[in-house]
Each structure stands twice: as C-alpha cells, then as structure tokens.
C-alpha cells in the first residue's frame, strides 16, 4: 500500500472501558480502519490522564480508576481520514478527536 507524502494524523482519545457492539471501542476502531483500507493504526495505553470530566485515571497500584486513557493513532491521506471520521463520528460517545498535518518520510513493510 502507498501513502501520500502529505498526510494527516488522526488521534482518538478514549477510555479503555469504552465499548461498541460488545467489544472494546479501540478494538472496533482498529478493525474498522483496516476494513476501510486505512494505511495502519496503533493503539497506545496511557498510564495516567484526565478528560472532559476532570476525573483522574491512573495505573498506580492504588488505582483511582480502571478506565485508563487509550489513544488510537492513524496516519493516512486527508481524503481517507475524512471518510473514516464520517464513518465513526456517531460511535464515539465520549473522548477527544484531533487532526494534525503529517509529513510521511518512510512507510514500508519490513522485509520478513
């Protein structure tokens, strides 16, 4: 798969407890990105954070919350990102979605 040099970085910030269609929302989003032919997706789990409700979520031993922050990152062309956003907009009940310009320098599969 080829990706344009000038792309966009889509970041979706949600809680790990967010669900859709019976599965974790982050998992559903990654599977949808693959089904939509996106160039790739990565899920990152945060150790600590807070969102619109200002409630602290942390991975410390004495947990204040089990709903740790999760970030899904996708880089692709602006057109594909826009189509994907339209597809998922109604699914994200709570969280934050951001877009940034991304200059793609290298995008290739390893040689295995």
Protein backbone atom coordinates (compact mmCIF):
# COMPACT_ATOMS: atom_id res chain seq x y z
CA UNK A 1 0.00 0.00 0.00
CA UNK A 2 1.22 3.50 -0.82
CA UNK A 3 0.56 6.57 1.29
CA UNK A 4 0.80 10.21 0.22
CA UNK A 5 3.79 12.24 1.42
CA UNK A 6 1.43 14.89 2.82
CA UNK A 7 -0.99 13.14 5.13
CA UNK A 8 -2.93 13.65 8.32
CA UNK A 9 -2.51 12.19 11.79
CA UNK A 10 -5.81 11.27 13.39
CA UNK A 11 -5.71 10.82 17.16
CA UNK A 12 -8.68 9.45 19.07
CA UNK A 13 -8.54 9.72 22.87
CA UNK A 14 -10.99 7.45 24.72
CA UNK A 15 -11.15 5.36 27.88
CA UNK A 16 -10.22 1.69 27.78
CA UNK A 17 -13.68 0.81 29.14
CA UNK A 18 -15.47 2.42 26.17
CA UNK A 19 -17.31 -0.24 24.20
CA UNK A 20 -19.17 -0.61 20.91
CA UNK A 21 -21.00 -3.65 19.56
CA UNK A 22 -19.89 -5.70 22.56
CA UNK A 23 -16.15 -5.15 22.14
CA UNK A 24 -13.68 -2.53 23.33
CA UNK A 25 -14.12 0.64 21.25
CA UNK A 26 -10.39 0.86 20.50
CA UNK A 27 -10.52 -2.67 19.04
CA UNK A 28 -13.60 -1.85 16.96
CA UNK A 29 -11.92 1.32 15.66
CA UNK A 30 -8.77 -0.53 14.57
CA UNK A 31 -10.79 -3.26 12.84
CA UNK A 32 -12.90 -0.60 11.08
CA UNK A 33 -9.74 1.24 10.00
CA UNK A 34 -8.46 -1.99 8.45
CA UNK A 35 -11.83 -2.68 6.80
CA UNK A 36 -11.84 0.87 5.36
CA UNK A 37 -8.38 0.30 3.82
CA UNK A 38 -6.51 2.73 6.07
CA UNK A 39 -2.70 2.54 5.96
CA UNK A 40 -2.41 1.39 9.58
CA UNK A 41 -3.48 2.06 13.16
CA UNK A 42 -1.77 1.95 16.54
CA UNK A 43 -3.34 1.77 20.00
CA UNK A 44 -1.43 3.29 22.92
CA UNK A 45 -2.45 2.86 26.56
CA UNK A 46 -1.82 5.79 28.86
CA UNK A 47 -0.57 5.41 32.41
CA UNK A 48 -2.42 8.45 33.68
CA UNK A 49 -4.70 11.19 32.41
CA UNK A 50 -7.95 13.09 32.70
CA UNK A 51 -10.55 14.31 30.27
CA UNK A 52 -13.64 16.50 29.99
CA UNK A 53 -14.95 15.42 33.41
CA UNK A 54 -11.57 16.17 35.07
CA UNK A 55 -11.58 12.73 36.72
CA UNK A 56 -8.05 11.30 37.15
CA UNK A 57 -7.43 7.87 35.59
CA UNK A 58 -4.23 6.17 36.69
CA UNK A 59 -2.37 2.85 36.53
CA UNK A 60 -0.89 3.21 40.02
CA UNK A 61 -1.15 0.26 42.40
CA UNK A 62 -3.82 2.02 44.46
CA UNK A 63 -5.97 2.68 41.43
CA UNK A 64 -8.29 5.65 41.33
CA UNK A 65 -9.80 4.30 38.12
CA UNK A 66 -9.56 1.24 35.93
CA UNK A 67 -10.66 3.21 32.86
CA UNK A 68 -7.16 4.12 31.65
CA UNK A 69 -6.66 6.50 28.72
CA UNK A 70 -6.30 4.94 25.28
CA UNK A 71 -5.07 6.72 22.15
CA UNK A 72 -5.67 5.38 18.65
CA UNK A 73 -3.37 6.90 16.01
CA UNK A 74 -3.92 6.64 12.27
CA UNK A 75 -1.90 8.34 9.51
CA UNK A 76 -3.31 8.47 6.01
CA UNK A 77 -4.34 10.87 3.24
CA UNK A 78 -6.72 13.70 4.16
CA UNK A 79 -9.47 12.17 1.99
CA UNK A 80 -9.27 8.75 3.65
CA UNK A 81 -9.12 10.32 7.13
CA UNK A 82 -12.19 12.46 6.37
CA UNK A 83 -14.16 9.43 5.15
CA UNK A 84 -13.12 7.42 8.21
CA UNK A 85 -14.12 10.25 10.57
CA UNK A 86 -17.53 10.46 8.94
CA UNK A 87 -17.92 6.69 9.37
CA UNK A 88 -17.04 6.67 13.10
CA UNK A 89 -18.42 10.03 14.29
CA UNK A 90 -21.63 8.61 15.76
CA UNK A 91 -19.78 5.83 17.59
CA UNK A 92 -17.59 7.96 19.88
CA UNK A 93 -19.80 8.95 22.82
CA UNK A 94 -17.03 10.48 24.92
CA UNK A 95 -13.45 11.43 24.27
CA UNK A 96 -11.40 13.72 22.05
CA UNK A 97 -10.53 13.52 18.36
CA UNK A 98 -7.71 15.61 16.87
CA UNK A 99 -6.15 16.06 13.44
CA UNK A 100 -2.64 17.22 12.58
CA UNK A 101 -0.68 17.57 9.38
CA UNK A 102 1.78 14.73 8.94
CA UNK A 103 4.69 14.56 6.54
CA UNK A 104 5.31 10.90 5.75
CA UNK A 105 9.02 10.17 5.31
CA UNK A 106 9.03 6.35 5.31
CA UNK A 107 6.15 3.90 5.01
CA UNK A 108 7.04 0.34 4.16
CA UNK A 109 6.63 -3.19 5.45
CA UNK A 110 9.63 -4.91 6.98
CA UNK A 111 11.41 -7.48 4.82
CA UNK A 112 10.30 -10.58 6.73
